[in-house]
Amino acid sequence: MNALKPCPFCKGEAALWSSYGKFGYFVYCKCEICGATSKTFPLGESLPEDWGELTASRKAADAWNRRCCDAEQDH
């Protein structure tokens, strides 16, 4: 998995978090300073435990690392 980029708002360090909510476990990235978060991704109870966590963590990191200027570079 790629390293997490600094927070787009305060330039703080981000980390992966997991939590249990109404619909089960999910993973997201959160800034340690301002608390900004990425979209949350469910672990998926039907998936093997390691694979589900790896997939959800990768998706959360990709969502956190995506910046609006990336879309301009894609074209």
C-alpha atoms as a PDB file:
ATOM      1  CA  MET A   1       0.000   0.000   0.000  1.00  0.00           C
ATOM      2  CA  ASN A   2       1.222   3.509  -0.793  1.00  0.00           C
ATOM      3  CA  ALA A   3       2.050   5.980   1.951  1.00  0.00           C
ATOM      4  CA  LEU A   4      -0.680   8.426   2.896  1.00  0.00           C
ATOM      5  CA  LYS A   5      -0.335  11.977   1.636  1.00  0.00           C
ATOM      6  CA  PRO A   6      -0.492  14.867   4.121  1.00  0.00           C
ATOM      7  CA  CYS A   7      -3.923  16.267   4.935  1.00  0.00           C
ATOM      8  CA  PRO A   8      -5.199  18.467   2.080  1.00  0.00           C
ATOM      9  CA  PHE A   9      -6.560  20.967   4.625  1.00  0.00           C
ATOM     10  CA  CYS A  10      -3.919  21.388   7.341  1.00  0.00           C
ATOM     11  CA  LYS A  11      -0.971  19.320   5.985  1.00  0.00           C
ATOM     12  CA  GLY A  12      -1.133  17.115   9.096  1.00  0.00           C
ATOM     13  CA  GLU A  13      -0.223  13.442   9.165  1.00  0.00           C
ATOM     14  CA  ALA A  14      -2.963  10.937   8.353  1.00  0.00           C
ATOM     15  CA  ALA A  15      -3.465   7.376   9.552  1.00  0.00           C
ATOM     16  CA  LEU A  16      -5.738   4.455   8.753  1.00  0.00           C
ATOM     17  CA  TRP A  17      -8.509   3.870  11.282  1.00  0.00           C
ATOM     18  CA  SER A  18     -11.017   1.083  11.679  1.00  0.00           C
ATOM     19  CA  SER A  19     -14.237   1.224  13.602  1.00  0.00           C
ATOM     20  CA  TYR A  20     -17.402  -0.714  14.251  1.00  0.00           C
ATOM     21  CA  GLY A  21     -20.659   0.954  13.261  1.00  0.00           C
ATOM     22  CA  LYS A  22     -24.304   0.093  12.821  1.00  0.00           C
ATOM     23  CA  PHE A  23     -23.549  -1.929   9.680  1.00  0.00           C
ATOM     24  CA  GLY A  24     -20.325  -3.640  10.790  1.00  0.00           C
ATOM     25  CA  TYR A  25     -16.629  -2.862  10.596  1.00  0.00           C
ATOM     26  CA  PHE A  26     -15.263  -0.230   8.254  1.00  0.00           C
ATOM     27  CA  VAL A  27     -11.933   1.458   7.463  1.00  0.00           C
ATOM     28  CA  TYR A  28     -11.121   5.102   6.721  1.00  0.00           C
ATOM     29  CA  CYS A  29      -8.237   7.587   6.815  1.00  0.00           C
ATOM     30  CA  LYS A  30      -8.211  10.402   9.330  1.00  0.00           C
ATOM     31  CA  CYS A  31      -5.975  13.437   9.849  1.00  0.00           C
ATOM     32  CA  GLU A  32      -4.312  13.345  13.269  1.00  0.00           C
ATOM     33  CA  ILE A  33      -4.501  17.153  13.595  1.00  0.00           C
ATOM     34  CA  CYS A  34      -7.775  18.490  12.165  1.00  0.00           C
ATOM     35  CA  GLY A  35      -9.797  15.262  12.062  1.00  0.00           C
ATOM     36  CA  ALA A  36     -10.629  15.351   8.340  1.00  0.00           C
ATOM     37  CA  THR A  37     -11.621  11.892   7.089  1.00  0.00           C
ATOM     38  CA  SER A  38     -11.856   9.970   3.844  1.00  0.00           C
ATOM     39  CA  LYS A  39     -14.862   8.018   2.707  1.00  0.00           C
ATOM     40  CA  THR A  40     -15.424   4.864   4.774  1.00  0.00           C
ATOM     41  CA  PHE A  41     -15.116   1.399   3.260  1.00  0.00           C
ATOM     42  CA  PRO A  42     -16.747  -1.721   4.744  1.00  0.00           C
ATOM     43  CA  LEU A  43     -14.581  -4.731   5.504  1.00  0.00           C
ATOM     44  CA  GLY A  44     -17.232  -7.130   4.193  1.00  0.00           C
ATOM     45  CA  GLU A  45     -18.122 -10.038   6.437  1.00  0.00           C
ATOM     46  CA  SER A  46     -18.327 -12.494   3.529  1.00  0.00           C
ATOM     47  CA  LEU A  47     -14.693 -11.897   2.547  1.00  0.00           C
ATOM     48  CA  PRO A  48     -11.733 -13.678   4.123  1.00  0.00           C
ATOM     49  CA  GLU A  49     -10.581 -11.474   7.007  1.00  0.00           C
ATOM     50  CA  ASP A  50      -7.129 -10.494   5.688  1.00  0.00           C
ATOM     51  CA  TRP A  51      -8.297  -9.920   2.111  1.00  0.00           C
ATOM     52  CA  GLY A  52     -11.243  -7.779   3.192  1.00  0.00           C
ATOM     53  CA  GLU A  53      -9.096  -5.586   5.414  1.00  0.00           C
ATOM     54  CA  LEU A  54      -6.405  -5.222   2.765  1.00  0.00           C
ATOM     55  CA  THR A  55      -8.953  -4.240   0.106  1.00  0.00           C
ATOM     56  CA  ALA A  56     -10.797  -1.779   2.371  1.00  0.00           C
ATOM     57  CA  SER A  57      -7.511  -0.252   3.580  1.00  0.00           C
ATOM     58  CA  ARG A  58      -6.252   0.172   0.026  1.00  0.00           C
ATOM     59  CA  LYS A  59      -9.517   1.818  -1.064  1.00  0.00           C
ATOM     60  CA  ALA A  60      -9.459   4.183   1.927  1.00  0.00           C
ATOM     61  CA  ALA A  61      -5.827   5.128   1.225  1.00  0.00           C
ATOM     62  CA  ASP A  62      -6.575   5.686  -2.476  1.00  0.00           C
ATOM     63  CA  ALA A  63      -9.545   7.890  -1.574  1.00  0.00           C
ATOM     64  CA  TRP A  64      -7.439   9.905   0.890  1.00  0.00           C
ATOM     65  CA  ASN A  65      -4.547  10.309  -1.549  1.00  0.00           C
ATOM     66  CA  ARG A  66      -6.748  11.449  -4.450  1.00  0.00           C
ATOM     67  CA  ARG A  67      -6.626  15.206  -5.012  1.00  0.00           C
ATOM     68  CA  CYS A  68      -8.712  17.404  -7.319  1.00  0.00           C
ATOM     69  CA  CYS A  69      -5.630  18.254  -9.385  1.00  0.00           C
ATOM     70  CA  ASP A  70      -5.160  14.505 -10.077  1.00  0.00           C
ATOM     71  CA  ALA A  71      -8.199  14.590 -12.405  1.00  0.00           C
ATOM     72  CA  GLU A  72      -6.556  17.315 -14.488  1.00  0.00           C
ATOM     73  CA  GLN A  73      -3.376  15.225 -14.756  1.00  0.00           C
ATOM     74  CA  ASP A  74      -5.350  12.149 -15.858  1.00  0.00           C
ATOM     75  CA  HIS A  75      -6.360  13.870 -19.120  1.00  0.00           C
END
